Protein backbone atom coordinates (compact mmCIF):
# COMPACT_ATOMS: atom_id res chain seq x y z
CA MET A 1 0.00 -0.01 0.00
CA GLN A 2 1.25 3.46 -0.90
CA THR A 3 0.62 5.81 2.01
CA ALA A 4 1.24 9.55 1.94
CA ALA A 5 1.51 11.98 4.82
CA VAL A 6 -0.36 15.26 4.53
CA VAL A 7 0.96 17.94 6.91
CA LEU A 8 -1.61 20.65 7.53
CA ALA A 9 0.38 23.86 8.10
CA ALA A 10 -1.74 26.63 6.60
CA GLY A 11 -3.30 28.34 9.61
CA GLY A 12 -2.64 31.91 10.63
CA GLY A 13 -2.18 31.00 14.30
CA ARG A 14 -4.55 33.66 15.62
CA ARG A 15 -4.18 32.55 19.24
CA TYR A 16 -0.46 32.03 18.78
CA GLY A 17 0.15 35.44 17.23
CA LYS A 18 1.71 34.15 14.01
CA PRO A 19 1.48 31.16 11.67
CA LYS A 20 2.52 28.05 13.58
CA ALA A 21 4.53 26.90 10.57
CA LEU A 22 6.95 29.73 11.40
CA VAL A 23 7.18 29.02 15.13
CA GLU A 24 10.60 27.85 16.26
CA TYR A 25 10.54 24.91 18.65
CA GLU A 26 13.65 23.25 20.06
CA GLY A 27 15.90 24.56 17.29
CA SER A 28 13.73 24.16 14.21
CA LEU A 29 10.50 25.46 12.77
CA LEU A 30 7.38 23.45 13.57
CA VAL A 31 6.77 22.85 9.85
CA GLU A 32 10.31 21.49 9.45
CA ARG A 33 9.81 19.10 12.37
CA ALA A 34 6.49 17.90 10.95
CA VAL A 35 7.95 17.31 7.48
CA ARG A 36 11.02 15.49 8.85
CA THR A 37 8.80 13.26 11.00
CA ALA A 38 6.54 12.46 8.05
CA ARG A 39 9.47 11.77 5.72
CA ALA A 40 10.88 9.28 8.25
CA ALA A 41 7.63 7.31 8.06
CA THR A 42 6.37 7.64 4.48
CA ASP A 43 7.80 8.05 0.98
CA VAL A 44 5.28 10.69 -0.08
CA VAL A 45 4.84 13.88 1.95
CA LEU A 46 2.61 16.82 1.06
CA VAL A 47 2.64 19.97 3.15
CA VAL A 48 -0.25 22.42 2.84
CA LEU A 49 0.71 26.05 3.42
CA GLY A 50 -1.53 29.12 3.59
CA ALA A 51 -0.84 32.06 5.91
CA GLN A 52 2.46 33.68 4.89
CA ALA A 53 3.02 30.75 2.53
CA VAL A 54 5.80 32.51 0.62
CA ASP A 55 7.65 33.30 3.88
CA VAL A 56 7.30 29.71 5.06
CA TRP A 57 8.42 28.34 1.69
CA ARG A 58 11.48 30.64 1.65
CA THR A 59 12.42 30.13 5.31
CA ALA A 60 11.72 26.48 6.07
CA ASP A 61 13.63 23.43 4.92
CA LEU A 62 10.88 21.42 3.26
CA THR A 63 13.23 19.04 1.46
CA GLY A 64 11.46 15.88 0.33
CA ALA A 65 7.95 17.36 0.57
CA THR A 66 5.60 18.52 -2.15
CA VAL A 67 4.30 21.97 -1.20
CA LEU A 68 0.68 22.91 -1.88
CA ALA A 69 -0.80 26.36 -1.31
CA ASN A 70 -4.28 26.72 0.14
CA LYS A 71 -5.62 30.06 -1.03
CA ASP A 72 -8.70 29.63 1.17
CA TRP A 73 -6.74 28.97 4.37
CA GLU A 74 -8.64 31.66 6.31
CA SER A 75 -11.85 29.59 6.05
CA GLY A 76 -10.40 26.96 8.40
CA MET A 77 -8.62 23.61 8.51
CA ALA A 78 -11.20 21.90 6.30
CA SER A 79 -9.99 23.85 3.26
CA SER A 80 -6.43 22.68 3.92
CA LEU A 81 -7.60 19.08 4.26
CA ARG A 82 -9.45 19.41 0.94
CA THR A 83 -6.35 20.94 -0.68
CA GLY A 84 -4.17 18.07 0.54
CA LEU A 85 -6.55 15.31 -0.54
CA ASP A 86 -7.11 16.95 -3.93
CA GLY A 87 -3.35 17.15 -4.31
CA LEU A 88 -3.02 13.43 -3.64
CA ARG A 89 -5.69 12.65 -6.22
CA GLY A 90 -3.44 14.18 -8.87
CA PHE A 91 -0.21 12.76 -7.52
CA PRO A 92 1.86 10.60 -9.89
CA GLY A 93 1.21 6.97 -9.04
CA THR A 94 -1.59 5.74 -6.86
CA VAL A 95 -1.71 6.71 -3.21
CA ASP A 96 -3.99 4.34 -1.30
CA ALA A 97 -4.28 6.21 1.98
CA ALA A 98 -3.43 9.57 3.54
CA LEU A 99 -2.02 10.11 7.03
CA ILE A 100 -3.26 13.51 8.17
CA THR A 101 -0.99 15.22 10.67
CA LEU A 102 -0.89 18.74 12.13
CA VAL A 103 1.95 21.23 12.20
CA ASP A 104 1.31 22.18 15.83
CA MET A 105 2.01 18.74 17.32
CA PRO A 106 5.79 18.74 17.80
CA GLY A 107 5.63 15.51 19.82
CA MET A 108 4.48 13.48 16.79
CA THR A 109 6.90 10.66 15.91
CA PRO A 110 7.63 8.44 12.92
CA GLU A 111 6.71 5.47 15.11
CA ALA A 112 3.16 6.73 15.59
CA LEU A 113 2.82 7.45 11.88
CA ARG A 114 4.12 3.98 11.01
CA ARG A 115 1.73 2.36 13.50
CA MET A 116 -1.15 4.14 11.75
CA ALA A 117 0.19 3.26 8.28
CA GLU A 118 -0.03 -0.45 9.17
CA HIS A 119 -3.80 -0.02 8.72
CA ALA A 120 -3.55 1.59 5.28
CA SER A 121 -5.86 0.46 2.50
CA PRO A 122 -8.14 2.27 0.06
CA ASP A 123 -11.12 1.75 2.40
CA ALA A 124 -9.29 2.53 5.67
CA LEU A 125 -10.62 4.91 8.29
CA ALA A 126 -8.50 5.05 11.41
CA VAL A 127 -7.73 7.49 14.20
CA ALA A 128 -4.88 7.46 16.71
CA THR A 129 -5.76 7.27 20.39
CA TYR A 130 -3.68 8.15 23.41
CA ASP A 131 -4.92 6.70 26.70
CA GLY A 132 -8.27 6.16 25.01
CA VAL A 133 -8.63 9.74 23.71
CA ARG A 134 -8.84 10.30 19.95
CA SER A 135 -6.30 12.61 18.37
CA HIS A 136 -3.94 12.67 15.36
CA PRO A 137 -2.77 11.33 13.05
CA VAL A 138 -5.88 10.28 11.18
CA LEU A 139 -5.72 7.74 8.35
CA LEU A 140 -8.07 8.24 5.42
CA GLY A 141 -8.25 5.62 2.68
CA ARG A 142 -8.66 6.81 -0.91
CA ASP A 143 -12.24 5.51 -1.09
CA HIS A 144 -13.22 8.08 1.58
CA TRP A 145 -11.50 11.17 0.18
CA ALA A 146 -14.50 12.39 -1.83
CA GLY A 147 -16.79 12.03 1.20
CA VAL A 148 -14.34 13.83 3.47
CA ILE A 149 -13.90 16.64 0.92
CA GLU A 150 -17.66 17.00 0.64
CA THR A 151 -18.37 17.13 4.39
CA ALA A 152 -15.32 18.99 5.73
CA GLN A 153 -16.24 22.48 6.94
CA GLY A 154 -14.57 25.27 8.89
CA ASP A 155 -12.08 24.06 11.49
CA GLU A 156 -13.62 20.59 11.81
CA GLY A 157 -11.71 18.83 9.06
CA ALA A 158 -12.79 15.18 8.88
CA ARG A 159 -14.52 15.18 12.30
CA ARG A 160 -18.09 14.98 10.98
CA TYR A 161 -17.23 12.26 8.45
CA LEU A 162 -15.44 10.21 11.10
CA ALA A 163 -18.33 10.64 13.57
CA GLU A 164 -20.83 9.35 11.03
CA HIS A 165 -18.67 6.33 10.23
CA SER A 166 -17.83 5.70 13.91
CA ALA A 167 -21.52 5.31 14.63
CA ALA A 168 -21.56 2.57 11.99
CA GLY A 169 -18.48 0.89 13.50
CA LYS A 170 -16.30 1.66 10.50
CA VAL A 171 -13.49 3.64 12.18
CA THR A 172 -10.54 1.78 13.66
CA GLU A 173 -9.00 3.25 16.79
CA VAL A 174 -5.24 2.65 16.85
CA ASP A 175 -3.57 2.86 20.25
CA CYS A 176 -0.51 5.11 19.95
CA THR A 177 -0.10 5.65 23.70
CA GLY A 178 3.59 6.08 24.45
CA LEU A 179 4.57 6.38 20.79
CA ALA A 180 3.99 10.12 20.51
CA ASP A 181 2.91 13.13 22.52
CA PRO A 182 -0.47 14.33 21.19
CA THR A 183 -0.17 17.77 22.82
CA ASP A 184 -0.70 20.66 20.44
CA LEU A 185 0.64 24.18 20.78
CA ASP A 186 -2.22 26.69 20.92
CA VAL A 187 -0.58 29.71 22.50
CA PRO A 188 3.08 30.48 23.22
CA GLY A 189 4.41 28.52 26.16
CA VAL A 190 1.08 26.80 26.89
CA PRO A 191 0.63 23.35 25.33
CA SER A 192 -2.92 22.03 25.34
CA ALA A 193 -4.12 18.47 25.81
CA PRO A 194 -5.57 16.62 22.80
């Protein structure tokens, strides 16, 4: 199975005060960390930029990633998810599943991404859990991309689509406890729980 990682890094970081892609964390930009982590786990990496995209592209080392620009980034994360999945549809070769990961989770690891990728297939729907709490990454099989694109709105991303399919027992929860830290960075110096 060909699995691609899609790093969502387009937001303006309103609460943070600047785009999180440009935030330095432990010696590198958050977007660089996310891309390096994804590259260590998958052969195909797409990174979706938006706010200050040109500055991010010029400043960050995005070696090994395909960069996509989301012109509608201000409408919320859903537009970035749509941009990434649309980009995979047109990618050379067939990608069977997409691992969706966020730029503001510096504790993500290749091990967690690889654990999720073990469940990859065109009809896969899976979400990482940490101590029983759902978080990222999320695995979306190719068969679900059109449905996710159609239902994703605002800052919810795939949440509604996953909720509908969870009710039908079609979403696999993958325990990633201890493999990664699901904490995201919402405001400077204050990490928030998943």
